Amino acid sequence: MGAMPPTSESTRVQYRIRPLEPADLEHLWTMEWDPLPRQISTFYLLCTIAHPEFCSVAIDGQHKIVGVLLATPSQNGQWIYLNHLRIEPHLRGQGVGGAMVRHLESQCRAAGIGRIWLLTSSDVEPFYLPLGYARDDSFMPPVTRRLMKEHRAAALILSKEL
């Protein structure tokens, strides 16, 4: 929730993380959510409208949204599903995404939530591993696990116990 470490010897990325506000939704609706199809990003935004308490945005020094994290609590309140994390391409790899995930983890701990789940792809998995996330499909029924293996599904399920 503050300044980022230097990205080079002379440049420092400034941002702050704050809760998602209703006024942000209009901007989020217009963002490019690549690689997600518009239908899926719309679903995530609708979930966010229903449960914004674990969603946040990263704001740069010009008050522009440069990152967004959308997360939805389970019905029993025991875990969170990290729906989507999007960082502006020019800021990827500079710590903004990691800071947003750690912010969510802190919120979850304060709320007594014990686990975060997320669905991702193998090309994004290296981002989550150093943050303590690991492959974990234990919540899926055996038939779903079998079908994912048989069809070589590109999706990975990761989780982290808090």
N, C-alpha and C. Protein backbone atom coordinates (compact mmCIF):
# COMPACT_ATOMS: atom_id res chain seq x y z
N MET A 1 0.82 -1.18 0.00
CA MET A 1 0.00 0.00 0.00
C MET A 1 0.86 1.24 0.00
N GLY A 2 1.83 1.31 -0.85
CA GLY A 2 2.70 2.46 -0.85
C GLY A 2 3.56 2.47 -2.07
N ALA A 3 4.75 2.98 -1.92
CA ALA A 3 5.68 3.08 -3.04
C ALA A 3 6.26 1.71 -3.37
N MET A 4 6.49 1.52 -4.62
CA MET A 4 7.10 0.29 -5.09
C MET A 4 8.61 0.41 -5.00
N PRO A 5 9.32 -0.74 -4.94
CA PRO A 5 10.77 -0.70 -5.03
C PRO A 5 11.19 -0.15 -6.39
N PRO A 6 12.37 0.40 -6.50
CA PRO A 6 12.80 0.97 -7.78
C PRO A 6 12.75 -0.06 -8.89
N THR A 7 12.31 0.38 -10.07
CA THR A 7 12.31 -0.50 -11.24
C THR A 7 13.61 -0.33 -12.02
N SER A 8 14.27 0.77 -11.80
CA SER A 8 15.62 0.99 -12.30
C SER A 8 16.26 1.94 -11.30
N GLU A 9 17.49 2.29 -11.52
CA GLU A 9 18.15 3.15 -10.54
C GLU A 9 17.53 4.52 -10.47
N SER A 10 16.86 4.98 -11.52
CA SER A 10 16.32 6.34 -11.52
C SER A 10 14.80 6.40 -11.52
N THR A 11 14.12 5.27 -11.61
CA THR A 11 12.67 5.28 -11.73
C THR A 11 12.04 4.54 -10.57
N ARG A 12 10.98 5.12 -10.03
CA ARG A 12 10.25 4.48 -8.95
C ARG A 12 8.76 4.53 -9.32
N VAL A 13 8.11 3.36 -9.32
CA VAL A 13 6.68 3.29 -9.61
C VAL A 13 5.93 3.66 -8.33
N GLN A 14 5.09 4.65 -8.42
CA GLN A 14 4.28 5.07 -7.28
C GLN A 14 2.86 4.59 -7.49
N TYR A 15 2.27 4.01 -6.46
CA TYR A 15 0.89 3.57 -6.53
C TYR A 15 0.38 3.40 -5.10
N ARG A 16 -0.91 3.29 -4.99
CA ARG A 16 -1.52 2.92 -3.72
C ARG A 16 -2.65 1.96 -4.02
N ILE A 17 -2.92 1.08 -3.07
CA ILE A 17 -4.01 0.11 -3.22
C ILE A 17 -5.15 0.58 -2.34
N ARG A 18 -6.33 0.59 -2.92
CA ARG A 18 -7.51 0.99 -2.17
C ARG A 18 -8.67 0.08 -2.54
N PRO A 19 -9.72 0.06 -1.71
CA PRO A 19 -10.88 -0.75 -2.04
C PRO A 19 -11.54 -0.29 -3.34
N LEU A 20 -12.13 -1.21 -4.02
CA LEU A 20 -12.91 -0.90 -5.20
C LEU A 20 -14.10 -0.04 -4.78
N GLU A 21 -14.36 1.01 -5.51
CA GLU A 21 -15.48 1.90 -5.23
C GLU A 21 -16.50 1.79 -6.36
N PRO A 22 -17.77 2.05 -6.07
CA PRO A 22 -18.79 1.97 -7.14
C PRO A 22 -18.43 2.80 -8.38
N ALA A 23 -17.80 3.94 -8.19
CA ALA A 23 -17.44 4.79 -9.32
C ALA A 23 -16.39 4.13 -10.22
N ASP A 24 -15.65 3.14 -9.70
CA ASP A 24 -14.62 2.46 -10.50
C ASP A 24 -15.22 1.50 -11.52
N LEU A 25 -16.42 1.04 -11.26
CA LEU A 25 -16.99 -0.01 -12.12
C LEU A 25 -17.14 0.44 -13.57
N GLU A 26 -17.50 1.68 -13.79
CA GLU A 26 -17.63 2.16 -15.16
C GLU A 26 -16.30 2.07 -15.90
N HIS A 27 -15.22 2.45 -15.22
CA HIS A 27 -13.89 2.36 -15.84
C HIS A 27 -13.52 0.89 -16.08
N LEU A 28 -13.78 0.03 -15.10
CA LEU A 28 -13.43 -1.38 -15.25
C LEU A 28 -14.17 -2.00 -16.42
N TRP A 29 -15.40 -1.56 -16.63
CA TRP A 29 -16.21 -2.10 -17.73
C TRP A 29 -15.56 -1.84 -19.07
N THR A 30 -14.77 -0.76 -19.19
CA THR A 30 -14.17 -0.39 -20.48
C THR A 30 -12.75 -0.93 -20.65
N MET A 31 -12.19 -1.55 -19.61
CA MET A 31 -10.82 -2.04 -19.68
C MET A 31 -10.71 -3.25 -20.62
N GLU A 32 -9.53 -3.42 -21.17
CA GLU A 32 -9.23 -4.60 -21.98
C GLU A 32 -8.82 -5.71 -21.03
N TRP A 33 -9.56 -6.82 -21.02
CA TRP A 33 -9.34 -7.90 -20.07
C TRP A 33 -8.62 -9.08 -20.71
N ASP A 34 -7.93 -8.84 -21.80
CA ASP A 34 -7.21 -9.88 -22.51
C ASP A 34 -6.41 -10.73 -21.50
N PRO A 35 -6.44 -12.02 -21.56
CA PRO A 35 -6.98 -12.86 -22.62
C PRO A 35 -8.42 -13.31 -22.39
N LEU A 36 -9.09 -12.76 -21.40
CA LEU A 36 -10.47 -13.19 -21.13
C LEU A 36 -11.43 -12.66 -22.18
N PRO A 37 -12.34 -13.52 -22.64
CA PRO A 37 -13.40 -13.01 -23.52
C PRO A 37 -14.29 -12.05 -22.74
N ARG A 38 -14.92 -11.14 -23.42
CA ARG A 38 -15.78 -10.13 -22.80
C ARG A 38 -16.86 -10.78 -21.92
N GLN A 39 -17.39 -11.94 -22.32
CA GLN A 39 -18.45 -12.58 -21.53
C GLN A 39 -17.95 -12.97 -20.15
N ILE A 40 -16.72 -13.47 -20.05
CA ILE A 40 -16.18 -13.89 -18.76
C ILE A 40 -15.85 -12.67 -17.90
N SER A 41 -15.24 -11.64 -18.50
CA SER A 41 -14.93 -10.46 -17.71
C SER A 41 -16.22 -9.81 -17.22
N THR A 42 -17.27 -9.84 -18.00
CA THR A 42 -18.57 -9.31 -17.57
C THR A 42 -19.09 -10.09 -16.38
N PHE A 43 -18.95 -11.41 -16.40
CA PHE A 43 -19.38 -12.24 -15.27
C PHE A 43 -18.62 -11.85 -14.01
N TYR A 44 -17.29 -11.67 -14.13
CA TYR A 44 -16.49 -11.28 -12.97
C TYR A 44 -16.93 -9.93 -12.42
N LEU A 45 -17.21 -9.00 -13.32
CA LEU A 45 -17.66 -7.68 -12.86
C LEU A 45 -19.01 -7.76 -12.17
N LEU A 46 -19.90 -8.61 -12.64
CA LEU A 46 -21.20 -8.78 -11.98
C LEU A 46 -21.01 -9.40 -10.59
N CYS A 47 -20.11 -10.35 -10.46
CA CYS A 47 -19.80 -10.91 -9.13
C CYS A 47 -19.26 -9.83 -8.21
N THR A 48 -18.44 -8.96 -8.76
CA THR A 48 -17.85 -7.88 -7.98
C THR A 48 -18.92 -6.93 -7.46
N ILE A 49 -19.88 -6.62 -8.28
CA ILE A 49 -20.95 -5.72 -7.86
C ILE A 49 -21.67 -6.32 -6.66
N ALA A 50 -21.84 -7.64 -6.66
CA ALA A 50 -22.54 -8.31 -5.57
C ALA A 50 -21.69 -8.40 -4.30
N HIS A 51 -20.36 -8.52 -4.44
CA HIS A 51 -19.46 -8.71 -3.30
C HIS A 51 -18.17 -7.90 -3.49
N PRO A 52 -18.23 -6.59 -3.36
CA PRO A 52 -17.02 -5.78 -3.60
C PRO A 52 -16.04 -5.72 -2.44
N GLU A 53 -16.40 -6.31 -1.28
CA GLU A 53 -15.59 -6.10 -0.08
C GLU A 53 -14.17 -6.65 -0.15
N PHE A 54 -13.90 -7.60 -1.06
CA PHE A 54 -12.55 -8.14 -1.19
C PHE A 54 -11.92 -7.77 -2.53
N CYS A 55 -12.41 -6.73 -3.15
CA CYS A 55 -11.89 -6.26 -4.43
C CYS A 55 -11.12 -4.96 -4.21
N SER A 56 -10.07 -4.76 -5.01
CA SER A 56 -9.27 -3.56 -4.85
C SER A 56 -8.73 -3.09 -6.19
N VAL A 57 -8.26 -1.85 -6.18
CA VAL A 57 -7.62 -1.29 -7.36
C VAL A 57 -6.29 -0.68 -6.92
N ALA A 58 -5.35 -0.64 -7.85
CA ALA A 58 -4.08 0.07 -7.65
C ALA A 58 -4.19 1.36 -8.46
N ILE A 59 -3.88 2.47 -7.79
CA ILE A 59 -4.00 3.79 -8.40
C ILE A 59 -2.61 4.40 -8.51
N ASP A 60 -2.28 4.95 -9.67
CA ASP A 60 -0.97 5.57 -9.83
C ASP A 60 -1.00 7.03 -9.37
N GLY A 61 0.10 7.72 -9.51
CA GLY A 61 0.22 9.11 -9.07
C GLY A 61 -0.70 10.07 -9.79
N GLN A 62 -1.20 9.68 -10.95
CA GLN A 62 -2.15 10.53 -11.69
C GLN A 62 -3.60 10.10 -11.44
N HIS A 63 -3.80 9.27 -10.41
CA HIS A 63 -5.13 8.78 -10.01
C HIS A 63 -5.76 7.88 -11.07
N LYS A 64 -4.93 7.23 -11.86
CA LYS A 64 -5.41 6.30 -12.88
C LYS A 64 -5.36 4.88 -12.33
N ILE A 65 -6.38 4.08 -12.64
CA ILE A 65 -6.38 2.68 -12.24
C ILE A 65 -5.35 1.94 -13.10
N VAL A 66 -4.36 1.34 -12.42
CA VAL A 66 -3.32 0.60 -13.13
C VAL A 66 -3.35 -0.89 -12.78
N GLY A 67 -4.20 -1.27 -11.85
CA GLY A 67 -4.34 -2.67 -11.47
C GLY A 67 -5.69 -2.89 -10.83
N VAL A 68 -6.21 -4.08 -11.00
CA VAL A 68 -7.49 -4.43 -10.39
C VAL A 68 -7.43 -5.88 -9.94
N LEU A 69 -7.97 -6.13 -8.76
CA LEU A 69 -8.07 -7.48 -8.23
C LEU A 69 -9.53 -7.69 -7.85
N LEU A 70 -10.14 -8.72 -8.42
CA LEU A 70 -11.53 -9.06 -8.15
C LEU A 70 -11.56 -10.40 -7.43
N ALA A 71 -12.20 -10.46 -6.29
CA ALA A 71 -12.28 -11.70 -5.50
C ALA A 71 -13.67 -11.82 -4.89
N THR A 72 -14.13 -13.05 -4.79
CA THR A 72 -15.48 -13.33 -4.30
C THR A 72 -15.40 -14.34 -3.16
N PRO A 73 -16.05 -14.04 -2.03
CA PRO A 73 -16.05 -15.00 -0.92
C PRO A 73 -16.97 -16.18 -1.20
N SER A 74 -16.64 -17.31 -0.61
CA SER A 74 -17.52 -18.48 -0.71
C SER A 74 -18.76 -18.23 0.14
N GLN A 75 -19.80 -19.00 -0.11
CA GLN A 75 -21.04 -18.83 0.64
C GLN A 75 -20.85 -19.10 2.12
N ASN A 76 -19.96 -20.03 2.46
CA ASN A 76 -19.74 -20.35 3.88
C ASN A 76 -18.70 -19.45 4.54
N GLY A 77 -18.08 -18.53 3.76
CA GLY A 77 -17.13 -17.59 4.31
C GLY A 77 -15.79 -18.19 4.70
N GLN A 78 -15.51 -19.42 4.28
CA GLN A 78 -14.26 -20.07 4.66
C GLN A 78 -13.13 -19.87 3.67
N TRP A 79 -13.45 -19.47 2.45
CA TRP A 79 -12.42 -19.26 1.45
C TRP A 79 -12.84 -18.15 0.49
N ILE A 80 -11.87 -17.70 -0.28
CA ILE A 80 -12.06 -16.65 -1.29
C ILE A 80 -11.64 -17.23 -2.64
N TYR A 81 -12.37 -16.84 -3.67
CA TYR A 81 -11.96 -17.18 -5.03
C TYR A 81 -11.42 -15.90 -5.67
N LEU A 82 -10.15 -15.91 -6.02
CA LEU A 82 -9.55 -14.78 -6.72
C LEU A 82 -9.99 -14.88 -8.17
N ASN A 83 -10.98 -14.08 -8.53
CA ASN A 83 -11.56 -14.14 -9.87
C ASN A 83 -10.60 -13.64 -10.95
N HIS A 84 -9.96 -12.50 -10.65
CA HIS A 84 -9.13 -11.92 -11.69
C HIS A 84 -8.15 -10.92 -11.10
N LEU A 85 -6.95 -10.92 -11.63
CA LEU A 85 -5.94 -9.94 -11.30
C LEU A 85 -5.43 -9.39 -12.63
N ARG A 86 -5.56 -8.09 -12.80
CA ARG A 86 -5.10 -7.47 -14.05
C ARG A 86 -4.26 -6.25 -13.72
N ILE A 87 -3.07 -6.23 -14.27
CA ILE A 87 -2.14 -5.12 -14.11
C ILE A 87 -1.86 -4.55 -15.50
N GLU A 88 -1.83 -3.23 -15.60
CA GLU A 88 -1.52 -2.61 -16.90
C GLU A 88 -0.20 -3.20 -17.42
N PRO A 89 -0.15 -3.52 -18.71
CA PRO A 89 1.03 -4.19 -19.27
C PRO A 89 2.35 -3.50 -18.96
N HIS A 90 2.41 -2.19 -18.98
CA HIS A 90 3.69 -1.49 -18.76
C HIS A 90 4.16 -1.58 -17.31
N LEU A 91 3.32 -2.07 -16.39
CA LEU A 91 3.71 -2.20 -14.99
C LEU A 91 3.89 -3.65 -14.55
N ARG A 92 3.65 -4.59 -15.44
CA ARG A 92 3.81 -5.99 -15.07
C ARG A 92 5.27 -6.30 -14.76
N GLY A 93 5.47 -7.11 -13.75
CA GLY A 93 6.82 -7.47 -13.34
C GLY A 93 7.47 -6.46 -12.41
N GLN A 94 6.71 -5.46 -11.97
CA GLN A 94 7.27 -4.42 -11.11
C GLN A 94 6.71 -4.46 -9.69
N GLY A 95 6.02 -5.55 -9.33
CA GLY A 95 5.58 -5.74 -7.96
C GLY A 95 4.17 -5.30 -7.62
N VAL A 96 3.48 -4.66 -8.55
CA VAL A 96 2.13 -4.18 -8.26
C VAL A 96 1.18 -5.36 -8.03
N GLY A 97 1.23 -6.35 -8.90
CA GLY A 97 0.36 -7.52 -8.76
C GLY A 97 0.61 -8.27 -7.46
N GLY A 98 1.88 -8.48 -7.12
CA GLY A 98 2.21 -9.16 -5.87
C GLY A 98 1.70 -8.40 -4.66
N ALA A 99 1.83 -7.08 -4.71
CA ALA A 99 1.33 -6.26 -3.61
C ALA A 99 -0.19 -6.37 -3.48
N MET A 100 -0.87 -6.44 -4.62
CA MET A 100 -2.33 -6.55 -4.57
C MET A 100 -2.76 -7.91 -4.00
N VAL A 101 -2.05 -8.97 -4.36
CA VAL A 101 -2.37 -10.30 -3.82
C VAL A 101 -2.09 -10.33 -2.31
N ARG A 102 -0.97 -9.77 -1.89
CA ARG A 102 -0.67 -9.73 -0.44
C ARG A 102 -1.71 -8.89 0.32
N HIS A 103 -2.20 -7.83 -0.31
CA HIS A 103 -3.26 -7.01 0.29
C HIS A 103 -4.52 -7.86 0.49
N LEU A 104 -4.90 -8.65 -0.51
CA LEU A 104 -6.06 -9.54 -0.39
C LEU A 104 -5.83 -10.54 0.73
N GLU A 105 -4.65 -11.12 0.79
CA GLU A 105 -4.35 -12.10 1.84
C GLU A 105 -4.52 -11.48 3.23
N SER A 106 -4.06 -10.26 3.38
CA SER A 106 -4.20 -9.56 4.66
C SER A 106 -5.67 -9.35 5.01
N GLN A 107 -6.45 -8.95 4.03
CA GLN A 107 -7.90 -8.78 4.24
C GLN A 107 -8.54 -10.10 4.66
N CYS A 108 -8.16 -11.17 4.00
CA CYS A 108 -8.73 -12.48 4.30
C CYS A 108 -8.38 -12.92 5.72
N ARG A 109 -7.13 -12.76 6.10
CA ARG A 109 -6.73 -13.13 7.46
C ARG A 109 -7.54 -12.35 8.49
N ALA A 110 -7.71 -11.05 8.26
CA ALA A 110 -8.47 -10.21 9.19
C ALA A 110 -9.93 -10.65 9.28
N ALA A 111 -10.46 -11.21 8.20
CA ALA A 111 -11.85 -11.65 8.16
C ALA A 111 -12.00 -13.11 8.60
N GLY A 112 -10.90 -13.78 8.94
CA GLY A 112 -10.97 -15.17 9.37
C GLY A 112 -11.14 -16.16 8.23
N ILE A 113 -10.77 -15.75 7.03
CA ILE A 113 -10.86 -16.63 5.85
C ILE A 113 -9.56 -17.41 5.74
N GLY A 114 -9.66 -18.72 5.56
CA GLY A 114 -8.49 -19.58 5.66
C GLY A 114 -7.81 -19.98 4.37
N ARG A 115 -8.40 -19.72 3.21
CA ARG A 115 -7.78 -20.18 1.97
C ARG A 115 -8.22 -19.30 0.81
N ILE A 116 -7.29 -19.12 -0.13
CA ILE A 116 -7.59 -18.44 -1.39
C ILE A 116 -7.41 -19.46 -2.51
N TRP A 117 -8.41 -19.53 -3.39
CA TRP A 117 -8.36 -20.39 -4.58
C TRP A 117 -8.31 -19.51 -5.81
N LEU A 118 -7.69 -20.01 -6.88
CA LEU A 118 -7.73 -19.30 -8.15
C LEU A 118 -7.52 -20.28 -9.29
N LEU A 119 -8.01 -19.90 -10.43
CA LEU A 119 -7.86 -20.67 -11.66
C LEU A 119 -6.94 -19.85 -12.56
N THR A 120 -5.91 -20.48 -13.07
CA THR A 120 -4.95 -19.76 -13.91
C THR A 120 -4.42 -20.69 -14.99
N SER A 121 -3.44 -20.23 -15.70
CA SER A 121 -2.81 -21.05 -16.74
C SER A 121 -1.34 -21.25 -16.39
N SER A 122 -0.72 -22.21 -17.05
CA SER A 122 0.67 -22.54 -16.72
C SER A 122 1.62 -21.38 -16.99
N ASP A 123 1.29 -20.50 -17.94
CA ASP A 123 2.20 -19.38 -18.20
C ASP A 123 2.14 -18.31 -17.11
N VAL A 124 1.10 -18.30 -16.29
CA VAL A 124 0.98 -17.33 -15.20
C VAL A 124 1.35 -17.96 -13.86
N GLU A 125 1.41 -19.28 -13.81
CA GLU A 125 1.73 -19.98 -12.56
C GLU A 125 3.03 -19.46 -11.91
N PRO A 126 4.10 -19.16 -12.67
CA PRO A 126 5.33 -18.68 -12.03
C PRO A 126 5.15 -17.38 -11.22
N PHE A 127 4.15 -16.59 -11.54
CA PHE A 127 3.86 -15.39 -10.75
C PHE A 127 3.39 -15.77 -9.35
N TYR A 128 2.54 -16.79 -9.25
CA TYR A 128 1.91 -17.15 -7.98
C TYR A 128 2.79 -18.04 -7.08
N LEU A 129 3.67 -18.84 -7.66
CA LEU A 129 4.47 -19.77 -6.85
C LEU A 129 5.31 -19.07 -5.78
N PRO A 130 6.04 -18.00 -6.10
CA PRO A 130 6.82 -17.33 -5.05
C PRO A 130 5.95 -16.69 -3.96
N LEU A 131 4.68 -16.47 -4.26
CA LEU A 131 3.76 -15.90 -3.28
C LEU A 131 3.18 -16.99 -2.36
N GLY A 132 3.58 -18.24 -2.59
CA GLY A 132 3.16 -19.33 -1.72
C GLY A 132 1.98 -20.14 -2.22
N TYR A 133 1.56 -19.94 -3.47
CA TYR A 133 0.45 -20.69 -4.03
C TYR A 133 0.98 -21.98 -4.64
N ALA A 134 0.15 -23.02 -4.61
CA ALA A 134 0.55 -24.33 -5.15
C ALA A 134 -0.65 -24.95 -5.86
N ARG A 135 -0.35 -25.86 -6.77
CA ARG A 135 -1.42 -26.58 -7.47
C ARG A 135 -2.24 -27.36 -6.44
N ASP A 136 -3.55 -27.27 -6.59
CA ASP A 136 -4.43 -27.92 -5.62
C ASP A 136 -5.82 -28.05 -6.22
N ASP A 137 -6.15 -29.25 -6.67
CA ASP A 137 -7.48 -29.48 -7.22
C ASP A 137 -8.34 -30.29 -6.26
N SER A 138 -8.00 -30.25 -4.98
CA SER A 138 -8.67 -31.11 -3.99
C SER A 138 -10.15 -30.82 -3.81
N PHE A 139 -10.60 -29.62 -4.15
CA PHE A 139 -12.01 -29.32 -3.96
C PHE A 139 -12.88 -29.83 -5.11
N MET A 140 -12.24 -30.26 -6.20
CA MET A 140 -13.01 -30.73 -7.35
C MET A 140 -13.41 -32.18 -7.17
N PRO A 141 -14.58 -32.53 -7.65
CA PRO A 141 -14.97 -33.95 -7.62
C PRO A 141 -14.01 -34.77 -8.48
N PRO A 142 -13.81 -36.05 -8.14
CA PRO A 142 -12.86 -36.88 -8.90
C PRO A 142 -13.15 -36.91 -10.40
N VAL A 143 -14.40 -36.89 -10.80
CA VAL A 143 -14.71 -36.93 -12.23
C VAL A 143 -14.19 -35.68 -12.93
N THR A 144 -14.24 -34.54 -12.28
CA THR A 144 -13.74 -33.31 -12.88
C THR A 144 -12.23 -33.37 -13.03
N ARG A 145 -11.54 -33.85 -12.00
CA ARG A 145 -10.09 -33.99 -12.09
C ARG A 145 -9.70 -34.93 -13.23
N ARG A 146 -10.43 -36.05 -13.33
CA ARG A 146 -10.14 -37.02 -14.39
C ARG A 146 -10.35 -36.40 -15.76
N LEU A 147 -11.46 -35.68 -15.96
CA LEU A 147 -11.74 -35.06 -17.25
C LEU A 147 -10.71 -34.00 -17.62
N MET A 148 -10.27 -33.23 -16.62
CA MET A 148 -9.25 -32.21 -16.90
C MET A 148 -7.96 -32.87 -17.37
N LYS A 149 -7.59 -34.00 -16.76
CA LYS A 149 -6.37 -34.70 -17.18
C LYS A 149 -6.55 -35.32 -18.56
N GLU A 150 -7.69 -35.97 -18.78
CA GLU A 150 -7.93 -36.63 -20.06
C GLU A 150 -7.93 -35.64 -21.21
N HIS A 151 -8.47 -34.46 -20.98
CA HIS A 151 -8.58 -33.47 -22.05
C HIS A 151 -7.44 -32.45 -22.01
N ARG A 152 -6.46 -32.74 -21.17
CA ARG A 152 -5.28 -31.88 -21.04
C ARG A 152 -5.67 -30.41 -20.93
N ALA A 153 -6.55 -30.14 -20.03
CA ALA A 153 -7.02 -28.78 -19.80
C ALA A 153 -5.84 -27.88 -19.47
N ALA A 154 -5.82 -26.72 -20.07
CA ALA A 154 -4.73 -25.77 -19.84
C ALA A 154 -4.88 -25.05 -18.50
N ALA A 155 -6.04 -25.13 -17.91
CA ALA A 155 -6.29 -24.42 -16.67
C ALA A 155 -5.65 -25.13 -15.49
N LEU A 156 -5.13 -24.35 -14.58
CA LEU A 156 -4.54 -24.87 -13.34
C LEU A 156 -5.31 -24.27 -12.18
N ILE A 157 -5.52 -25.06 -11.15
CA ILE A 157 -6.14 -24.57 -9.94
C ILE A 157 -5.05 -24.46 -8.90
N LEU A 158 -4.91 -23.28 -8.33
CA LEU A 158 -3.92 -23.02 -7.30
C LEU A 158 -4.64 -22.59 -6.02
N SER A 159 -3.99 -22.81 -4.90
CA SER A 159 -4.55 -22.31 -3.65
C SER A 159 -3.43 -22.01 -2.68
N LYS A 160 -3.80 -21.27 -1.64
CA LYS A 160 -2.87 -20.95 -0.57
C LYS A 160 -3.65 -20.93 0.73
N GLU A 161 -3.15 -21.68 1.70
CA GLU A 161 -3.74 -21.64 3.02
C GLU A 161 -3.15 -20.43 3.75
N LEU A 162 -4.02 -19.71 4.40
CA LEU A 162 -3.58 -18.48 5.08
C LEU A 162 -3.38 -18.74 6.57
